[in-house]
């Protein structure tokens, strides 16, 4: 059960990240590019990945400004991936976060460039000039860039999306499906946790436990997404419901069945909470409640 304090913490975190995005996503990029970028990332989404960054940083008493930059960077990567995923050459969707997708609003070329620019901006945010008051040590900049790049590239999100597109109409086993979703969705969520942990003096024990937490949570998120795709309406989801089934894509529901998928989501939540208990950190309550929020979307 979520407390009023947790709901207030979420609201504050979302507002803080939204203000930072408002400040750092440009309005003056040429030829309408800034407008398309802002359309794709502002005023939408639950900001789960930034909240994971902030919660993990708090758990290790991390540097608040570094954590905010990491939170914004990971949201920019997530938003760019959605802009590209929605395009006709990928998932061909026309609805995202309750409004027309970027390529519907700005054309395919505009959407492609907006996504490209958001990806680059993420790493610019992580490397502020040394004379800025919110600058970070070069070693921390490098660590955050490495975590984000590796989770979003060929061995992470982009690789998972490639497997997803190559698997349309094919029968996949649970092991292959898990690997695909670990890359496509899970690794960026795990990296969000690890980027937050990198902002503070986390012990080896805590770092390993937070990594395990992020891995379990990342997979749970995708399992729940697959469940919601077949159990919720488009107006509730904010995106087109039933797209995976219509596209004949393998999902946890198609491979395992609806009820076994629900059971798996609960098992993964338990794994995430067990990892937090093993972390040795004094206060992981926000991370624990975020795991509840992810899984309870199906209730």
C-alpha atoms as a PDB file:
ATOM      1  CA  UNK A   1       0.000   0.000   0.000  1.00  0.00           C
ATOM      2  CA  UNK A   2       1.370   3.410  -0.971  1.00  0.00           C
ATOM      3  CA  UNK A   3       1.592   6.098   1.699  1.00  0.00           C
ATOM      4  CA  UNK A   4       0.687   9.739   1.239  1.00  0.00           C
ATOM      5  CA  UNK A   5       4.370  10.526   1.760  1.00  0.00           C
ATOM      6  CA  UNK A   6       5.317   8.264  -1.136  1.00  0.00           C
ATOM      7  CA  UNK A   7       2.731   9.843  -3.417  1.00  0.00           C
ATOM      8  CA  UNK A   8       4.081  13.266  -2.465  1.00  0.00           C
ATOM      9  CA  UNK A   9       7.630  12.077  -3.163  1.00  0.00           C
ATOM     10  CA  UNK A  10       6.583  10.838  -6.613  1.00  0.00           C
ATOM     11  CA  UNK A  11       4.826  14.113  -7.404  1.00  0.00           C
ATOM     12  CA  UNK A  12       7.850  16.149  -6.325  1.00  0.00           C
ATOM     13  CA  UNK A  13      10.229  13.953  -8.330  1.00  0.00           C
ATOM     14  CA  UNK A  14       8.074  14.158 -11.437  1.00  0.00           C
ATOM     15  CA  UNK A  15       7.796  17.949 -11.125  1.00  0.00           C
ATOM     16  CA  UNK A  16      11.553  18.327 -10.605  1.00  0.00           C
ATOM     17  CA  UNK A  17      12.368  16.205 -13.658  1.00  0.00           C
ATOM     18  CA  UNK A  18       9.723  17.979 -15.757  1.00  0.00           C
ATOM     19  CA  UNK A  19      11.187  21.393 -14.889  1.00  0.00           C
ATOM     20  CA  UNK A  20      14.679  20.202 -15.764  1.00  0.00           C
ATOM     21  CA  UNK A  21      13.474  18.834 -19.093  1.00  0.00           C
ATOM     22  CA  UNK A  22      11.721  22.144 -19.760  1.00  0.00           C
ATOM     23  CA  UNK A  23      15.014  23.922 -19.115  1.00  0.00           C
ATOM     24  CA  UNK A  24      17.348  21.587 -21.004  1.00  0.00           C
ATOM     25  CA  UNK A  25      15.352  20.528 -24.077  1.00  0.00           C
ATOM     26  CA  UNK A  26      15.879  23.468 -26.431  1.00  0.00           C
ATOM     27  CA  UNK A  27      13.202  25.689 -27.856  1.00  0.00           C
ATOM     28  CA  UNK A  28      15.510  27.226 -30.455  1.00  0.00           C
ATOM     29  CA  UNK A  29      16.783  24.182 -32.369  1.00  0.00           C
ATOM     30  CA  UNK A  30      16.592  24.889 -36.121  1.00  0.00           C
ATOM     31  CA  UNK A  31      13.699  24.234 -38.479  1.00  0.00           C
ATOM     32  CA  UNK A  32      11.202  23.161 -35.818  1.00  0.00           C
ATOM     33  CA  UNK A  33      13.461  20.439 -34.408  1.00  0.00           C
ATOM     34  CA  UNK A  34      13.191  21.769 -30.852  1.00  0.00           C
ATOM     35  CA  UNK A  35       9.407  21.809 -31.046  1.00  0.00           C
ATOM     36  CA  UNK A  36       9.340  18.160 -32.128  1.00  0.00           C
ATOM     37  CA  UNK A  37      11.800  17.188 -29.386  1.00  0.00           C
ATOM     38  CA  UNK A  38       9.740  18.916 -26.714  1.00  0.00           C
ATOM     39  CA  UNK A  39       6.533  17.364 -28.032  1.00  0.00           C
ATOM     40  CA  UNK A  40       8.112  13.920 -27.733  1.00  0.00           C
ATOM     41  CA  UNK A  41       9.400  14.214 -24.165  1.00  0.00           C
ATOM     42  CA  UNK A  42       7.430  16.863 -22.232  1.00  0.00           C
ATOM     43  CA  UNK A  43       4.041  16.620 -20.535  1.00  0.00           C
ATOM     44  CA  UNK A  44       3.675  12.876 -20.541  1.00  0.00           C
ATOM     45  CA  UNK A  45       4.657   9.611 -18.934  1.00  0.00           C
ATOM     46  CA  UNK A  46       5.026   8.471 -15.350  1.00  0.00           C
ATOM     47  CA  UNK A  47       8.807   9.175 -15.337  1.00  0.00           C
ATOM     48  CA  UNK A  48       9.539   5.778 -13.792  1.00  0.00           C
ATOM     49  CA  UNK A  49      13.161   5.703 -14.956  1.00  0.00           C
ATOM     50  CA  UNK A  50      14.021   9.128 -13.514  1.00  0.00           C
ATOM     51  CA  UNK A  51      12.280   8.178 -10.264  1.00  0.00           C
ATOM     52  CA  UNK A  52      14.429   5.045 -10.051  1.00  0.00           C
ATOM     53  CA  UNK A  53      17.540   7.182 -10.502  1.00  0.00           C
ATOM     54  CA  UNK A  54      16.457   9.559  -7.752  1.00  0.00           C
ATOM     55  CA  UNK A  55      15.402   6.778  -5.354  1.00  0.00           C
ATOM     56  CA  UNK A  56      18.661   4.859  -5.795  1.00  0.00           C
ATOM     57  CA  UNK A  57      20.699   8.024  -5.308  1.00  0.00           C
ATOM     58  CA  UNK A  58      18.798   8.816  -2.122  1.00  0.00           C
ATOM     59  CA  UNK A  59      19.416   5.277  -0.839  1.00  0.00           C
ATOM     60  CA  UNK A  60      23.199   5.764  -1.139  1.00  0.00           C
ATOM     61  CA  UNK A  61      23.137   9.451  -0.103  1.00  0.00           C
ATOM     62  CA  UNK A  62      24.211  10.485  -3.577  1.00  0.00           C
ATOM     63  CA  UNK A  63      24.891  13.892  -5.106  1.00  0.00           C
ATOM     64  CA  UNK A  64      21.474  15.431  -5.820  1.00  0.00           C
ATOM     65  CA  UNK A  65      22.456  17.491  -8.874  1.00  0.00           C
ATOM     66  CA  UNK A  66      24.284  14.579 -10.476  1.00  0.00           C
ATOM     67  CA  UNK A  67      21.245  12.387  -9.876  1.00  0.00           C
ATOM     68  CA  UNK A  68      18.957  14.954 -11.492  1.00  0.00           C
ATOM     69  CA  UNK A  69      21.151  15.116 -14.583  1.00  0.00           C
ATOM     70  CA  UNK A  70      21.195  11.310 -14.727  1.00  0.00           C
ATOM     71  CA  UNK A  71      17.408  11.226 -14.335  1.00  0.00           C
ATOM     72  CA  UNK A  72      16.907  13.647 -17.212  1.00  0.00           C
ATOM     73  CA  UNK A  73      19.410  11.817 -19.406  1.00  0.00           C
ATOM     74  CA  UNK A  74      17.764   8.427 -18.996  1.00  0.00           C
ATOM     75  CA  UNK A  75      14.340   9.931 -19.721  1.00  0.00           C
ATOM     76  CA  UNK A  76      15.675  11.497 -22.907  1.00  0.00           C
ATOM     77  CA  UNK A  77      16.958   8.099 -24.038  1.00  0.00           C
ATOM     78  CA  UNK A  78      13.623   6.483 -23.181  1.00  0.00           C
ATOM     79  CA  UNK A  79      11.689   9.195 -25.031  1.00  0.00           C
ATOM     80  CA  UNK A  80      13.888   8.962 -28.115  1.00  0.00           C
ATOM     81  CA  UNK A  81      13.356   5.192 -28.200  1.00  0.00           C
ATOM     82  CA  UNK A  82       9.579   5.648 -28.102  1.00  0.00           C
ATOM     83  CA  UNK A  83       9.670   8.205 -30.911  1.00  0.00           C
ATOM     84  CA  UNK A  84      11.601   5.794 -33.124  1.00  0.00           C
ATOM     85  CA  UNK A  85       9.657   2.679 -32.041  1.00  0.00           C
ATOM     86  CA  UNK A  86       6.357   4.309 -33.026  1.00  0.00           C
ATOM     87  CA  UNK A  87       7.468   5.039 -36.586  1.00  0.00           C
ATOM     88  CA  UNK A  88       5.977   3.113 -39.539  1.00  0.00           C
ATOM     89  CA  UNK A  89       9.236   1.234 -40.162  1.00  0.00           C
ATOM     90  CA  UNK A  90       9.133  -0.115 -36.589  1.00  0.00           C
ATOM     91  CA  UNK A  91       5.889  -0.579 -34.606  1.00  0.00           C
ATOM     92  CA  UNK A  92       3.791   1.807 -36.741  1.00  0.00           C
ATOM     93  CA  UNK A  93       1.744   3.305 -33.923  1.00  0.00           C
ATOM     94  CA  UNK A  94      -0.273   6.524 -34.014  1.00  0.00           C
ATOM     95  CA  UNK A  95      -0.954   7.026 -30.281  1.00  0.00           C
ATOM     96  CA  UNK A  96       1.509   7.596 -27.441  1.00  0.00           C
ATOM     97  CA  UNK A  97       0.799   8.995 -23.967  1.00  0.00           C
ATOM     98  CA  UNK A  98      -2.722   9.825 -25.079  1.00  0.00           C
ATOM     99  CA  UNK A  99      -1.746  12.018 -28.038  1.00  0.00           C
ATOM    100  CA  UNK A 100      -0.663  11.529 -31.673  1.00  0.00           C
ATOM    101  CA  UNK A 101       2.824  10.112 -32.030  1.00  0.00           C
ATOM    102  CA  UNK A 102       5.654  12.390 -33.113  1.00  0.00           C
ATOM    103  CA  UNK A 103       5.789  11.146 -36.703  1.00  0.00           C
ATOM    104  CA  UNK A 104       2.042  11.753 -37.059  1.00  0.00           C
ATOM    105  CA  UNK A 105       2.469  15.292 -35.774  1.00  0.00           C
ATOM    106  CA  UNK A 106       5.783  16.248 -37.439  1.00  0.00           C
ATOM    107  CA  UNK A 107       6.346  13.728 -40.226  1.00  0.00           C
ATOM    108  CA  UNK A 108       8.683  10.751 -40.364  1.00  0.00           C
ATOM    109  CA  UNK A 109      11.841  12.749 -41.054  1.00  0.00           C
ATOM    110  CA  UNK A 110      11.010  15.153 -38.235  1.00  0.00           C
ATOM    111  CA  UNK A 111      10.458  12.277 -35.821  1.00  0.00           C
ATOM    112  CA  UNK A 112      13.686  10.562 -36.826  1.00  0.00           C
ATOM    113  CA  UNK A 113      15.704  13.736 -36.288  1.00  0.00           C
ATOM    114  CA  UNK A 114      13.941  14.532 -33.001  1.00  0.00           C
ATOM    115  CA  UNK A 115      14.857  11.096 -31.669  1.00  0.00           C
ATOM    116  CA  UNK A 116      18.447  11.452 -32.861  1.00  0.00           C
ATOM    117  CA  UNK A 117      18.758  14.839 -31.191  1.00  0.00           C
ATOM    118  CA  UNK A 118      17.283  13.611 -27.897  1.00  0.00           C
ATOM    119  CA  UNK A 119      19.766  10.740 -27.814  1.00  0.00           C
ATOM    120  CA  UNK A 120      22.678  13.131 -28.263  1.00  0.00           C
ATOM    121  CA  UNK A 121      21.240  15.592 -25.746  1.00  0.00           C
ATOM    122  CA  UNK A 122      21.174  12.865 -23.077  1.00  0.00           C
ATOM    123  CA  UNK A 123      24.970  12.642 -23.146  1.00  0.00           C
ATOM    124  CA  UNK A 124      25.331  16.427 -23.323  1.00  0.00           C
ATOM    125  CA  UNK A 125      23.303  16.663 -20.105  1.00  0.00           C
ATOM    126  CA  UNK A 126      25.668  14.175 -18.456  1.00  0.00           C
ATOM    127  CA  UNK A 127      28.765  16.201 -19.378  1.00  0.00           C
ATOM    128  CA  UNK A 128      28.210  19.764 -18.120  1.00  0.00           C
ATOM    129  CA  UNK A 129      31.001  22.298 -18.472  1.00  0.00           C
ATOM    130  CA  UNK A 130      33.462  22.337 -15.578  1.00  0.00           C
ATOM    131  CA  UNK A 131      32.613  25.937 -14.668  1.00  0.00           C
ATOM    132  CA  UNK A 132      28.926  25.212 -14.083  1.00  0.00           C
ATOM    133  CA  UNK A 133      27.786  25.182 -10.448  1.00  0.00           C
ATOM    134  CA  UNK A 134      26.117  21.786 -11.004  1.00  0.00           C
ATOM    135  CA  UNK A 135      29.088  20.203 -12.758  1.00  0.00           C
ATOM    136  CA  UNK A 136      30.286  16.714 -11.846  1.00  0.00           C
ATOM    137  CA  UNK A 137      33.727  15.131 -11.492  1.00  0.00           C
ATOM    138  CA  UNK A 138      34.984  13.760 -14.820  1.00  0.00           C
ATOM    139  CA  UNK A 139      35.099  10.219 -13.438  1.00  0.00           C
ATOM    140  CA  UNK A 140      31.395  10.361 -12.519  1.00  0.00           C
ATOM    141  CA  UNK A 141      30.516  11.822 -15.909  1.00  0.00           C
ATOM    142  CA  UNK A 142      32.329   8.938 -17.598  1.00  0.00           C
ATOM    143  CA  UNK A 143      30.668   6.335 -15.379  1.00  0.00           C
ATOM    144  CA  UNK A 144      27.167   7.684 -16.029  1.00  0.00           C
ATOM    145  CA  UNK A 145      27.806   7.927 -19.782  1.00  0.00           C
ATOM    146  CA  UNK A 146      29.086   4.349 -19.862  1.00  0.00           C
ATOM    147  CA  UNK A 147      26.067   2.984 -17.996  1.00  0.00           C
ATOM    148  CA  UNK A 148      23.643   4.815 -20.266  1.00  0.00           C
ATOM    149  CA  UNK A 149      25.434   4.003 -23.525  1.00  0.00           C
ATOM    150  CA  UNK A 150      25.789   0.291 -22.787  1.00  0.00           C
ATOM    151  CA  UNK A 151      22.168  -0.083 -21.704  1.00  0.00           C
ATOM    152  CA  UNK A 152      20.771   1.671 -24.761  1.00  0.00           C
ATOM    153  CA  UNK A 153      23.033   0.316 -27.505  1.00  0.00           C
ATOM    154  CA  UNK A 154      23.498  -2.926 -29.418  1.00  0.00           C
ATOM    155  CA  UNK A 155      23.769  -5.078 -26.295  1.00  0.00           C
ATOM    156  CA  UNK A 156      20.823  -3.374 -24.623  1.00  0.00           C
ATOM    157  CA  UNK A 157      17.725  -1.553 -25.812  1.00  0.00           C
ATOM    158  CA  UNK A 158      18.574  -1.337 -29.527  1.00  0.00           C
ATOM    159  CA  UNK A 159      19.626  -4.986 -29.612  1.00  0.00           C
ATOM    160  CA  UNK A 160      16.416  -6.032 -27.895  1.00  0.00           C
ATOM    161  CA  UNK A 161      14.347  -4.066 -30.372  1.00  0.00           C
ATOM    162  CA  UNK A 162      16.203  -5.773 -33.237  1.00  0.00           C
ATOM    163  CA  UNK A 163      15.363  -9.193 -31.774  1.00  0.00           C
ATOM    164  CA  UNK A 164      11.752  -8.098 -31.288  1.00  0.00           C
ATOM    165  CA  UNK A 165      11.358  -7.076 -34.927  1.00  0.00           C
ATOM    166  CA  UNK A 166      13.083 -10.251 -36.133  1.00  0.00           C
ATOM    167  CA  UNK A 167      10.739 -12.398 -33.995  1.00  0.00           C
ATOM    168  CA  UNK A 168       7.430 -11.303 -35.495  1.00  0.00           C
ATOM    169  CA  UNK A 169       5.375 -14.383 -36.346  1.00  0.00           C
ATOM    170  CA  UNK A 170       7.866 -16.771 -34.738  1.00  0.00           C
ATOM    171  CA  UNK A 171       7.484 -19.075 -31.771  1.00  0.00           C
ATOM    172  CA  UNK A 172       9.863 -18.179 -28.964  1.00  0.00           C
ATOM    173  CA  UNK A 173      10.650 -20.091 -25.804  1.00  0.00           C
ATOM    174  CA  UNK A 174      10.510 -18.361 -22.436  1.00  0.00           C
ATOM    175  CA  UNK A 175      14.311 -18.171 -22.206  1.00  0.00           C
ATOM    176  CA  UNK A 176      14.653 -16.379 -25.564  1.00  0.00           C
ATOM    177  CA  UNK A 177      11.723 -14.107 -24.749  1.00  0.00           C
ATOM    178  CA  UNK A 178      13.305 -13.216 -21.411  1.00  0.00           C
ATOM    179  CA  UNK A 179      16.609 -12.344 -23.100  1.00  0.00           C
ATOM    180  CA  UNK A 180      14.824 -10.155 -25.665  1.00  0.00           C
ATOM    181  CA  UNK A 181      12.898  -8.223 -23.032  1.00  0.00           C
ATOM    182  CA  UNK A 182      15.886  -7.994 -20.713  1.00  0.00           C
ATOM    183  CA  UNK A 183      17.649  -6.104 -23.476  1.00  0.00           C
ATOM    184  CA  UNK A 184      14.714  -4.176 -24.918  1.00  0.00           C
ATOM    185  CA  UNK A 185      13.208  -2.906 -21.657  1.00  0.00           C
ATOM    186  CA  UNK A 186      14.918  -4.323 -18.601  1.00  0.00           C
ATOM    187  CA  UNK A 187      18.484  -3.120 -19.064  1.00  0.00           C
ATOM    188  CA  UNK A 188      17.550   0.574 -19.267  1.00  0.00           C
ATOM    189  CA  UNK A 189      15.479   0.273 -16.090  1.00  0.00           C
ATOM    190  CA  UNK A 190      18.373  -1.523 -14.409  1.00  0.00           C
ATOM    191  CA  UNK A 191      20.741   1.191 -15.632  1.00  0.00           C
ATOM    192  CA  UNK A 192      18.476   3.833 -14.112  1.00  0.00           C
ATOM    193  CA  UNK A 193      19.015   2.235 -10.708  1.00  0.00           C
ATOM    194  CA  UNK A 194      22.751   1.868 -11.271  1.00  0.00           C
ATOM    195  CA  UNK A 195      23.123   5.478 -12.430  1.00  0.00           C
ATOM    196  CA  UNK A 196      21.493   6.616  -9.211  1.00  0.00           C
ATOM    197  CA  UNK A 197      23.780   4.338  -7.208  1.00  0.00           C
ATOM    198  CA  UNK A 198      26.809   5.756  -9.039  1.00  0.00           C
ATOM    199  CA  UNK A 199      26.001   9.214  -7.672  1.00  0.00           C
ATOM    200  CA  UNK A 200      26.938   8.154  -4.134  1.00  0.00           C
ATOM    201  CA  UNK A 201      29.419   6.026  -2.186  1.00  0.00           C
ATOM    202  CA  UNK A 202      27.713   2.633  -2.595  1.00  0.00           C
ATOM    203  CA  UNK A 203      29.489  -0.419  -1.196  1.00  0.00           C
ATOM    204  CA  UNK A 204      30.165  -3.492  -3.331  1.00  0.00           C
ATOM    205  CA  UNK A 205      27.359  -5.290  -1.496  1.00  0.00           C
ATOM    206  CA  UNK A 206      24.896  -2.475  -2.093  1.00  0.00           C
ATOM    207  CA  UNK A 207      25.885  -2.096  -5.756  1.00  0.00           C
ATOM    208  CA  UNK A 208      25.362  -5.817  -6.437  1.00  0.00           C
ATOM    209  CA  UNK A 209      22.022  -5.818  -4.624  1.00  0.00           C
ATOM    210  CA  UNK A 210      20.781  -2.745  -6.490  1.00  0.00           C
ATOM    211  CA  UNK A 211      21.819  -4.327  -9.783  1.00  0.00           C
ATOM    212  CA  UNK A 212      19.809  -7.449  -8.910  1.00  0.00           C
ATOM    213  CA  UNK A 213      16.861  -5.285  -7.893  1.00  0.00           C
ATOM    214  CA  UNK A 214      17.001  -3.404 -11.195  1.00  0.00           C
ATOM    215  CA  UNK A 215      17.204  -6.598 -13.235  1.00  0.00           C
ATOM    216  CA  UNK A 216      14.139  -8.118 -11.545  1.00  0.00           C
ATOM    217  CA  UNK A 217      12.174  -4.877 -11.739  1.00  0.00           C
ATOM    218  CA  UNK A 218      13.059  -4.363 -15.400  1.00  0.00           C
ATOM    219  CA  UNK A 219      11.730  -7.752 -16.384  1.00  0.00           C
ATOM    220  CA  UNK A 220       8.640  -7.342 -14.188  1.00  0.00           C
ATOM    221  CA  UNK A 221       7.847  -4.093 -15.993  1.00  0.00           C
ATOM    222  CA  UNK A 222       7.802  -5.832 -19.366  1.00  0.00           C
ATOM    223  CA  UNK A 223       5.738  -8.762 -18.101  1.00  0.00           C
ATOM    224  CA  UNK A 224       3.167  -6.310 -16.770  1.00  0.00           C
ATOM    225  CA  UNK A 225       3.226  -4.351 -20.050  1.00  0.00           C
ATOM    226  CA  UNK A 226       2.442  -7.554 -21.933  1.00  0.00           C
ATOM    227  CA  UNK A 227      -0.465  -8.238 -19.574  1.00  0.00           C
ATOM    228  CA  UNK A 228      -1.849  -4.721 -19.920  1.00  0.00           C
ATOM    229  CA  UNK A 229      -1.641  -4.920 -23.722  1.00  0.00           C
ATOM    230  CA  UNK A 230      -4.368  -7.579 -23.696  1.00  0.00           C
ATOM    231  CA  UNK A 231      -6.402  -6.503 -20.660  1.00  0.00           C
ATOM    232  CA  UNK A 232      -6.715  -2.706 -20.935  1.00  0.00           C
ATOM    233  CA  UNK A 233      -8.281  -0.308 -23.415  1.00  0.00           C
ATOM    234  CA  UNK A 234      -6.306   2.235 -25.432  1.00  0.00           C
ATOM    235  CA  UNK A 235      -7.724   5.222 -23.546  1.00  0.00           C
ATOM    236  CA  UNK A 236      -6.461   3.723 -20.272  1.00  0.00           C
ATOM    237  CA  UNK A 237      -3.020   2.812 -21.611  1.00  0.00           C
ATOM    238  CA  UNK A 238      -2.496   6.055 -23.513  1.00  0.00           C
ATOM    239  CA  UNK A 239      -1.301   3.952 -26.461  1.00  0.00           C
ATOM    240  CA  UNK A 240      -2.907   1.506 -28.860  1.00  0.00           C
ATOM    241  CA  UNK A 241      -4.024  -1.610 -26.999  1.00  0.00           C
ATOM    242  CA  UNK A 242      -3.573  -5.060 -28.542  1.00  0.00           C
ATOM    243  CA  UNK A 243      -0.768  -3.957 -30.864  1.00  0.00           C
ATOM    244  CA  UNK A 244       1.513  -6.872 -30.013  1.00  0.00           C
ATOM    245  CA  UNK A 245      -1.216  -9.431 -30.570  1.00  0.00           C
ATOM    246  CA  UNK A 246      -2.305  -7.786 -33.831  1.00  0.00           C
ATOM    247  CA  UNK A 247       1.315  -7.724 -35.036  1.00  0.00           C
ATOM    248  CA  UNK A 248       1.777 -11.394 -34.071  1.00  0.00           C
ATOM    249  CA  UNK A 249       4.641 -10.525 -31.716  1.00  0.00           C
ATOM    250  CA  UNK A 250       5.706 -12.980 -29.001  1.00  0.00           C
ATOM    251  CA  UNK A 251       4.881 -11.744 -25.496  1.00  0.00           C
ATOM    252  CA  UNK A 252       4.789 -13.215 -22.020  1.00  0.00           C
ATOM    253  CA  UNK A 253       1.041 -13.667 -22.382  1.00  0.00           C
ATOM    254  CA  UNK A 254       1.328 -15.461 -25.728  1.00  0.00           C
ATOM    255  CA  UNK A 255       4.184 -17.680 -24.534  1.00  0.00           C
ATOM    256  CA  UNK A 256       3.131 -18.404 -20.946  1.00  0.00           C
ATOM    257  CA  UNK A 257      -0.557 -17.540 -20.818  1.00  0.00           C
ATOM    258  CA  UNK A 258      -2.254 -14.721 -18.908  1.00  0.00           C
ATOM    259  CA  UNK A 259      -2.366 -16.215 -15.406  1.00  0.00           C
ATOM    260  CA  UNK A 260       1.191 -17.625 -15.467  1.00  0.00           C
ATOM    261  CA  UNK A 261       2.359 -14.176 -16.612  1.00  0.00           C
ATOM    262  CA  UNK A 262       0.614 -12.619 -13.595  1.00  0.00           C
ATOM    263  CA  UNK A 263       2.332 -15.148 -11.319  1.00  0.00           C
ATOM    264  CA  UNK A 264       5.710 -14.359 -12.878  1.00  0.00           C
ATOM    265  CA  UNK A 265       5.219 -10.636 -12.263  1.00  0.00           C
ATOM    266  CA  UNK A 266       4.611 -11.326  -8.582  1.00  0.00           C
ATOM    267  CA  UNK A 267       7.662 -13.584  -8.396  1.00  0.00           C
ATOM    268  CA  UNK A 268       9.838 -10.884  -9.932  1.00  0.00           C
ATOM    269  CA  UNK A 269       8.562  -8.329  -7.451  1.00  0.00           C
ATOM    270  CA  UNK A 270       9.523 -10.685  -4.635  1.00  0.00           C
ATOM    271  CA  UNK A 271      13.004 -11.058  -6.162  1.00  0.00           C
ATOM    272  CA  UNK A 272      13.390  -7.286  -6.377  1.00  0.00           C
ATOM    273  CA  UNK A 273      12.413  -6.845  -2.728  1.00  0.00           C
ATOM    274  CA  UNK A 274      14.709  -9.649  -1.611  1.00  0.00           C
ATOM    275  CA  UNK A 275      17.585  -7.880  -3.354  1.00  0.00           C
ATOM    276  CA  UNK A 276      16.788  -4.661  -1.499  1.00  0.00           C
ATOM    277  CA  UNK A 277      16.750  -6.546   1.793  1.00  0.00           C
ATOM    278  CA  UNK A 278      20.245  -7.872   0.992  1.00  0.00           C
ATOM    279  CA  UNK A 279      21.617  -4.430   0.110  1.00  0.00           C
ATOM    280  CA  UNK A 280      22.615  -3.399   3.610  1.00  0.00           C
ATOM    281  CA  UNK A 281      21.191   0.068   2.897  1.00  0.00           C
ATOM    282  CA  UNK A 282      19.221   1.758   5.646  1.00  0.00           C
ATOM    283  CA  UNK A 283      16.388   3.237   3.590  1.00  0.00           C
ATOM    284  CA  UNK A 284      15.225   1.587   0.401  1.00  0.00           C
ATOM    285  CA  UNK A 285      11.524   2.280   0.985  1.00  0.00           C
ATOM    286  CA  UNK A 286      11.057   4.333  -2.167  1.00  0.00           C
ATOM    287  CA  UNK A 287      12.701   1.665  -4.303  1.00  0.00           C
ATOM    288  CA  UNK A 288      10.486  -0.965  -2.690  1.00  0.00           C
ATOM    289  CA  UNK A 289       7.328   1.064  -3.285  1.00  0.00           C
ATOM    290  CA  UNK A 290       8.337   1.711  -6.901  1.00  0.00           C
ATOM    291  CA  UNK A 291       8.486  -2.063  -7.395  1.00  0.00           C
ATOM    292  CA  UNK A 292       4.958  -2.270  -6.004  1.00  0.00           C
ATOM    293  CA  UNK A 293       3.838   0.481  -8.390  1.00  0.00           C
ATOM    294  CA  UNK A 294       5.205  -1.404 -11.390  1.00  0.00           C
ATOM    295  CA  UNK A 295       3.503  -4.695 -10.598  1.00  0.00           C
ATOM    296  CA  UNK A 296       0.257  -3.298  -9.222  1.00  0.00           C
ATOM    297  CA  UNK A 297      -0.569  -1.729 -12.580  1.00  0.00           C
ATOM    298  CA  UNK A 298      -2.280  -5.026 -13.405  1.00  0.00           C
ATOM    299  CA  UNK A 299      -4.591  -4.922 -10.353  1.00  0.00           C
END
